[in-house]
PDB file of N, CA and C in Angstrom:
ATOM      1  N   UNK A   1     192.303 237.939 144.923  1.00  0.00           N
ATOM      2  CA  UNK A   1     191.123 237.123 145.055  1.00  0.00           C
ATOM      3  C   UNK A   1     190.818 236.514 143.700  1.00  0.00           C
ATOM      4  N   UNK A   2     190.652 235.229 143.658  1.00  0.00           N
ATOM      5  CA  UNK A   2     190.282 234.536 142.424  1.00  0.00           C
ATOM      6  C   UNK A   2     188.793 234.244 142.458  1.00  0.00           C
ATOM      7  N   UNK A   3     188.103 234.578 141.365  1.00  0.00           N
ATOM      8  CA  UNK A   3     186.663 234.344 141.274  1.00  0.00           C
ATOM      9  C   UNK A   3     186.428 232.857 141.065  1.00  0.00           C
ATOM     10  N   UNK A   4     185.614 232.252 141.946  1.00  0.00           N
ATOM     11  CA  UNK A   4     185.298 230.828 141.824  1.00  0.00           C
ATOM     12  C   UNK A   4     183.964 230.619 141.116  1.00  0.00           C
ATOM     13  N   UNK A   5     183.000 231.512 141.373  1.00  0.00           N
ATOM     14  CA  UNK A   5     181.698 231.407 140.720  1.00  0.00           C
ATOM     15  C   UNK A   5     181.030 232.773 140.731  1.00  0.00           C
ATOM     16  N   UNK A   6     180.051 232.931 139.851  1.00  0.00           N
ATOM     17  CA  UNK A   6     179.280 234.175 139.776  1.00  0.00           C
ATOM     18  C   UNK A   6     177.912 233.920 140.382  1.00  0.00           C
ATOM     19  N   UNK A   7     177.524 234.722 141.351  1.00  0.00           N
ATOM     20  CA  UNK A   7     176.212 234.633 141.976  1.00  0.00           C
ATOM     21  C   UNK A   7     175.506 235.963 141.768  1.00  0.00           C
ATOM     22  N   UNK A   8     174.265 235.913 141.271  1.00  0.00           N
ATOM     23  CA  UNK A   8     173.506 237.138 141.061  1.00  0.00           C
ATOM     24  C   UNK A   8     173.025 237.670 142.396  1.00  0.00           C
ATOM     25  N   UNK A   9     173.113 238.980 142.570  1.00  0.00           N
ATOM     26  CA  UNK A   9     172.691 239.615 143.809  1.00  0.00           C
ATOM     27  C   UNK A   9     171.862 240.845 143.474  1.00  0.00           C
ATOM     28  N   UNK A  10     170.775 241.049 144.171  1.00  0.00           N
ATOM     29  CA  UNK A  10     169.947 242.243 143.994  1.00  0.00           C
ATOM     30  C   UNK A  10     170.279 243.228 145.100  1.00  0.00           C
ATOM     31  N   UNK A  11     171.023 244.255 144.750  1.00  0.00           N
ATOM     32  CA  UNK A  11     171.369 245.299 145.713  1.00  0.00           C
ATOM     33  C   UNK A  11     171.114 246.658 145.075  1.00  0.00           C
ATOM     34  N   UNK A  12     170.871 247.646 145.903  1.00  0.00           N
ATOM     35  CA  UNK A  12     170.641 248.997 145.395  1.00  0.00           C
ATOM     36  C   UNK A  12     171.933 249.555 144.805  1.00  0.00           C
ATOM     37  N   UNK A  13     171.802 250.220 143.664  1.00  0.00           N
ATOM     38  CA  UNK A  13     172.957 250.837 143.016  1.00  0.00           C
ATOM     39  C   UNK A  13     173.455 251.997 143.857  1.00  0.00           C
ATOM     40  N   UNK A  14     174.748 252.063 144.036  1.00  0.00           N
ATOM     41  CA  UNK A  14     175.373 253.174 144.749  1.00  0.00           C
ATOM     42  C   UNK A  14     176.558 253.651 143.926  1.00  0.00           C
ATOM     43  N   UNK A  15     176.514 254.901 143.433  1.00  0.00           N
ATOM     44  CA  UNK A  15     177.629 255.400 142.629  1.00  0.00           C
ATOM     45  C   UNK A  15     178.952 255.300 143.390  1.00  0.00           C
ATOM     46  N   UNK A  16     180.000 254.951 142.667  1.00  0.00           N
ATOM     47  CA  UNK A  16     181.330 254.810 143.252  1.00  0.00           C
ATOM     48  C   UNK A  16     182.255 255.872 142.672  1.00  0.00           C
ATOM     49  N   UNK A  17     183.295 256.199 143.413  1.00  0.00           N
ATOM     50  CA  UNK A  17     184.310 257.102 142.907  1.00  0.00           C
ATOM     51  C   UNK A  17     185.043 256.442 141.742  1.00  0.00           C
ATOM     52  N   UNK A  18     185.548 257.253 140.843  1.00  0.00           N
ATOM     53  CA  UNK A  18     186.356 256.751 139.730  1.00  0.00           C
ATOM     54  C   UNK A  18     187.792 256.596 140.221  1.00  0.00           C
ATOM     55  N   UNK A  19     188.364 255.443 139.979  1.00  0.00           N
ATOM     56  CA  UNK A  19     189.733 255.158 140.421  1.00  0.00           C
ATOM     57  C   UNK A  19     190.537 254.591 139.244  1.00  0.00           C
ATOM     58  N   UNK A  20     191.850 254.696 139.368  1.00  0.00           N
ATOM     59  CA  UNK A  20     192.718 254.081 138.368  1.00  0.00           C
ATOM     60  C   UNK A  20     192.497 252.572 138.410  1.00  0.00           C
ATOM     61  N   UNK A  21     192.392 251.972 137.236  1.00  0.00           N
ATOM     62  CA  UNK A  21     192.194 250.529 137.115  1.00  0.00           C
ATOM     63  C   UNK A  21     193.083 250.011 136.003  1.00  0.00           C
ATOM     64  N   UNK A  22     193.760 248.903 136.241  1.00  0.00           N
ATOM     65  CA  UNK A  22     194.602 248.287 135.218  1.00  0.00           C
ATOM     66  C   UNK A  22     194.196 246.831 135.051  1.00  0.00           C
ATOM     67  N   UNK A  23     194.607 246.248 133.934  1.00  0.00           N
ATOM     68  CA  UNK A  23     194.370 244.823 133.710  1.00  0.00           C
ATOM     69  C   UNK A  23     195.619 244.201 133.129  1.00  0.00           C
ATOM     70  N   UNK A  24     195.743 242.895 133.312  1.00  0.00           N
ATOM     71  CA  UNK A  24     196.868 242.153 132.746  1.00  0.00           C
ATOM     72  C   UNK A  24     196.431 240.715 132.505  1.00  0.00           C
ATOM     73  N   UNK A  25     197.204 240.018 131.702  1.00  0.00           N
ATOM     74  CA  UNK A  25     196.996 238.593 131.460  1.00  0.00           C
ATOM     75  C   UNK A  25     198.261 237.884 131.925  1.00  0.00           C
ATOM     76  N   UNK A  26     198.075 236.903 132.773  1.00  0.00           N
ATOM     77  CA  UNK A  26     199.200 236.170 133.339  1.00  0.00           C
ATOM     78  C   UNK A  26     199.063 234.687 133.029  1.00  0.00           C
ATOM     79  N   UNK A  27     200.184 234.029 132.815  1.00  0.00           N
ATOM     80  CA  UNK A  27     200.213 232.596 132.530  1.00  0.00           C
ATOM     81  C   UNK A  27     200.966 231.919 133.671  1.00  0.00           C
ATOM     82  N   UNK A  28     200.244 231.080 134.426  1.00  0.00           N
ATOM     83  CA  UNK A  28     200.826 230.426 135.600  1.00  0.00           C
ATOM     84  C   UNK A  28     200.468 228.953 135.565  1.00  0.00           C
ATOM     85  N   UNK A  29     201.487 228.104 135.574  1.00  0.00           N
ATOM     86  CA  UNK A  29     201.256 226.666 135.635  1.00  0.00           C
ATOM     87  C   UNK A  29     200.362 226.142 134.524  1.00  0.00           C
ATOM     88  N   UNK A  30     200.499 226.690 133.324  1.00  0.00           N
ATOM     89  CA  UNK A  30     199.695 226.242 132.197  1.00  0.00           C
ATOM     90  C   UNK A  30     198.306 226.849 132.136  1.00  0.00           C
ATOM     91  N   UNK A  31     197.950 227.675 133.103  1.00  0.00           N
ATOM     92  CA  UNK A  31     196.649 228.350 133.133  1.00  0.00           C
ATOM     93  C   UNK A  31     196.834 229.815 132.755  1.00  0.00           C
ATOM     94  N   UNK A  32     195.789 230.401 132.172  1.00  0.00           N
ATOM     95  CA  UNK A  32     195.791 231.820 131.844  1.00  0.00           C
ATOM     96  C   UNK A  32     194.807 232.528 132.753  1.00  0.00           C
ATOM     97  N   UNK A  33     195.224 233.640 133.319  1.00  0.00           N
ATOM     98  CA  UNK A  33     194.381 234.423 134.220  1.00  0.00           C
ATOM     99  C   UNK A  33     194.302 235.860 133.737  1.00  0.00           C
ATOM    100  N   UNK A  34     193.087 236.406 133.758  1.00  0.00           N
ATOM    101  CA  UNK A  34     192.856 237.810 133.478  1.00  0.00           C
ATOM    102  C   UNK A  34     192.739 238.491 134.825  1.00  0.00           C
ATOM    103  N   UNK A  35     193.558 239.503 135.075  1.00  0.00           N
ATOM    104  CA  UNK A  35     193.622 240.144 136.377  1.00  0.00           C
ATOM    105  C   UNK A  35     193.252 241.617 136.262  1.00  0.00           C
ATOM    106  N   UNK A  36     192.363 242.077 137.137  1.00  0.00           N
ATOM    107  CA  UNK A  36     191.992 243.485 137.231  1.00  0.00           C
ATOM    108  C   UNK A  36     192.504 244.001 138.572  1.00  0.00           C
ATOM    109  N   UNK A  37     193.179 245.152 138.527  1.00  0.00           N
ATOM    110  CA  UNK A  37     193.684 245.778 139.748  1.00  0.00           C
ATOM    111  C   UNK A  37     193.089 247.179 139.861  1.00  0.00           C
ATOM    112  N   UNK A  38     192.555 247.510 141.037  1.00  0.00           N
ATOM    113  CA  UNK A  38     192.055 248.858 141.282  1.00  0.00           C
ATOM    114  C   UNK A  38     192.934 249.501 142.341  1.00  0.00           C
ATOM    115  N   UNK A  39     193.054 250.813 142.255  1.00  0.00           N
ATOM    116  CA  UNK A  39     193.964 251.558 143.120  1.00  0.00           C
ATOM    117  C   UNK A  39     193.205 252.601 143.925  1.00  0.00           C
ATOM    118  N   UNK A  40     193.790 253.035 145.036  1.00  0.00           N
ATOM    119  CA  UNK A  40     193.177 254.048 145.886  1.00  0.00           C
ATOM    120  C   UNK A  40     193.259 255.427 145.246  1.00  0.00           C
ATOM    121  N   UNK A  41     192.704 256.427 145.903  1.00  0.00           N
ATOM    122  CA  UNK A  41     192.654 257.771 145.336  1.00  0.00           C
ATOM    123  C   UNK A  41     194.029 258.398 145.120  1.00  0.00           C
ATOM    124  N   UNK A  42     195.034 257.940 145.834  1.00  0.00           N
ATOM    125  CA  UNK A  42     196.379 258.503 145.701  1.00  0.00           C
ATOM    126  C   UNK A  42     197.338 257.561 144.986  1.00  0.00           C
ATOM    127  N   UNK A  43     196.804 256.587 144.268  1.00  0.00           N
ATOM    128  CA  UNK A  43     197.668 255.636 143.572  1.00  0.00           C
ATOM    129  C   UNK A  43     198.290 254.650 144.538  1.00  0.00           C
ATOM    130  N   UNK A  44     199.569 254.380 144.351  1.00  0.00           N
ATOM    131  CA  UNK A  44     200.260 253.434 145.223  1.00  0.00           C
ATOM    132  C   UNK A  44     199.966 252.003 144.826  1.00  0.00           C
ATOM    133  N   UNK A  45     199.979 251.121 145.798  1.00  0.00           N
ATOM    134  CA  UNK A  45     199.761 249.701 145.509  1.00  0.00           C
ATOM    135  C   UNK A  45     198.278 249.427 145.270  1.00  0.00           C
ATOM    136  N   UNK A  46     198.008 248.315 144.624  1.00  0.00           N
ATOM    137  CA  UNK A  46     196.635 247.927 144.303  1.00  0.00           C
ATOM    138  C   UNK A  46     195.831 247.733 145.581  1.00  0.00           C
ATOM    139  N   UNK A  47     194.599 248.222 145.570  1.00  0.00           N
ATOM    140  CA  UNK A  47     193.709 248.074 146.717  1.00  0.00           C
ATOM    141  C   UNK A  47     192.869 246.807 146.602  1.00  0.00           C
ATOM    142  N   UNK A  48     192.569 246.423 145.365  1.00  0.00           N
ATOM    143  CA  UNK A  48     191.810 245.190 145.151  1.00  0.00           C
ATOM    144  C   UNK A  48     192.327 244.532 143.879  1.00  0.00           C
ATOM    145  N   UNK A  49     192.488 243.223 143.932  1.00  0.00           N
ATOM    146  CA  UNK A  49     192.938 242.438 142.786  1.00  0.00           C
ATOM    147  C   UNK A  49     191.936 241.315 142.586  1.00  0.00           C
ATOM    148  N   UNK A  50     191.389 241.217 141.364  1.00  0.00           N
ATOM    149  CA  UNK A  50     190.416 240.174 141.050  1.00  0.00           C
ATOM    150  C   UNK A  50     190.940 239.399 139.844  1.00  0.00           C
ATOM    151  N   UNK A  51     190.980 238.074 139.956  1.00  0.00           N
ATOM    152  CA  UNK A  51     191.514 237.225 138.893  1.00  0.00           C
ATOM    153  C   UNK A  51     190.437 236.283 138.374  1.00  0.00           C
ATOM    154  N   UNK A  52     190.421 236.128 137.038  1.00  0.00           N
ATOM    155  CA  UNK A  52     189.470 235.231 136.394  1.00  0.00           C
ATOM    156  C   UNK A  52     190.243 234.191 135.605  1.00  0.00           C
ATOM    157  N   UNK A  53     189.899 232.920 135.789  1.00  0.00           N
ATOM    158  CA  UNK A  53     190.453 231.894 134.908  1.00  0.00           C
ATOM    159  C   UNK A  53     189.603 231.860 133.641  1.00  0.00           C
ATOM    160  N   UNK A  54     189.922 230.996 132.720  1.00  0.00           N
ATOM    161  CA  UNK A  54     189.225 230.951 131.431  1.00  0.00           C
ATOM    162  C   UNK A  54     187.724 230.699 131.605  1.00  0.00           C
ATOM    163  N   UNK A  55     187.381 229.759 132.462  1.00  0.00           N
ATOM    164  CA  UNK A  55     185.980 229.426 132.672  1.00  0.00           C
ATOM    165  C   UNK A  55     185.175 230.596 133.218  1.00  0.00           C
ATOM    166  N   UNK A  56     185.723 231.296 134.219  1.00  0.00           N
ATOM    167  CA  UNK A  56     185.015 232.443 134.795  1.00  0.00           C
ATOM    168  C   UNK A  56     184.945 233.593 133.798  1.00  0.00           C
ATOM    169  N   UNK A  57     185.975 233.745 132.964  1.00  0.00           N
ATOM    170  CA  UNK A  57     185.952 234.791 131.936  1.00  0.00           C
ATOM    171  C   UNK A  57     184.847 234.527 130.919  1.00  0.00           C
ATOM    172  N   UNK A  58     184.694 233.270 130.508  1.00  0.00           N
ATOM    173  CA  UNK A  58     183.622 232.913 129.565  1.00  0.00           C
ATOM    174  C   UNK A  58     182.267 233.221 130.180  1.00  0.00           C
ATOM    175  N   UNK A  59     182.087 232.851 131.444  1.00  0.00           N
ATOM    176  CA  UNK A  59     180.825 233.139 132.127  1.00  0.00           C
ATOM    177  C   UNK A  59     180.568 234.637 132.219  1.00  0.00           C
ATOM    178  N   UNK A  60     181.604 235.414 132.537  1.00  0.00           N
ATOM    179  CA  UNK A  60     181.451 236.864 132.651  1.00  0.00           C
ATOM    180  C   UNK A  60     181.063 237.483 131.316  1.00  0.00           C
ATOM    181  N   UNK A  61     181.689 237.037 130.244  1.00  0.00           N
ATOM    182  CA  UNK A  61     181.339 237.546 128.912  1.00  0.00           C
ATOM    183  C   UNK A  61     179.877 237.254 128.604  1.00  0.00           C
ATOM    184  N   UNK A  62     179.404 236.068 128.928  1.00  0.00           N
ATOM    185  CA  UNK A  62     177.995 235.713 128.702  1.00  0.00           C
ATOM    186  C   UNK A  62     177.068 236.627 129.503  1.00  0.00           C
ATOM    187  N   UNK A  63     177.422 236.870 130.766  1.00  0.00           N
ATOM    188  CA  UNK A  63     176.615 237.754 131.609  1.00  0.00           C
ATOM    189  C   UNK A  63     176.582 239.163 131.022  1.00  0.00           C
ATOM    190  N   UNK A  64     177.727 239.690 130.643  1.00  0.00           N
ATOM    191  CA  UNK A  64     177.799 241.048 130.091  1.00  0.00           C
ATOM    192  C   UNK A  64     177.021 241.156 128.778  1.00  0.00           C
ATOM    193  N   UNK A  65     177.125 240.150 127.928  1.00  0.00           N
ATOM    194  CA  UNK A  65     176.357 240.157 126.676  1.00  0.00           C
ATOM    195  C   UNK A  65     174.858 240.193 126.950  1.00  0.00           C
ATOM    196  N   UNK A  66     174.431 239.381 127.900  1.00  0.00           N
ATOM    197  CA  UNK A  66     173.011 239.324 128.235  1.00  0.00           C
ATOM    198  C   UNK A  66     172.523 240.632 128.862  1.00  0.00           C
ATOM    199  N   UNK A  67     173.231 241.124 129.836  1.00  0.00           N
ATOM    200  CA  UNK A  67     172.785 242.295 130.601  1.00  0.00           C
ATOM    201  C   UNK A  67     172.863 243.599 129.808  1.00  0.00           C
ATOM    202  N   UNK A  68     173.800 243.692 128.864  1.00  0.00           N
ATOM    203  CA  UNK A  68     173.938 244.904 128.066  1.00  0.00           C
ATOM    204  C   UNK A  68     173.422 244.742 126.640  1.00  0.00           C
ATOM    205  N   UNK A  69     172.773 243.611 126.367  1.00  0.00           N
ATOM    206  CA  UNK A  69     172.247 243.327 125.023  1.00  0.00           C
ATOM    207  C   UNK A  69     173.303 243.547 123.941  1.00  0.00           C
ATOM    208  N   UNK A  70     174.473 242.985 124.150  1.00  0.00           N
ATOM    209  CA  UNK A  70     175.583 243.139 123.199  1.00  0.00           C
ATOM    210  C   UNK A  70     175.503 242.129 122.091  1.00  0.00           C
TER     211      UNK A  70
END
């Protein structure tokens, strides 16, 4: 899944299980993508893949800086 835009949502926090998570940087067709992969409790193939292009990465960094007062 490639992130197209960030929309703020107000939902109740629900603790999640800790799972193996990896990241990579891929270069495709002149574009750079930051990819996060999460895995199930027994490993195996990725259960969710989220990709950010440069623009979405910049937006995410701004959000994280604001929300965590970084």
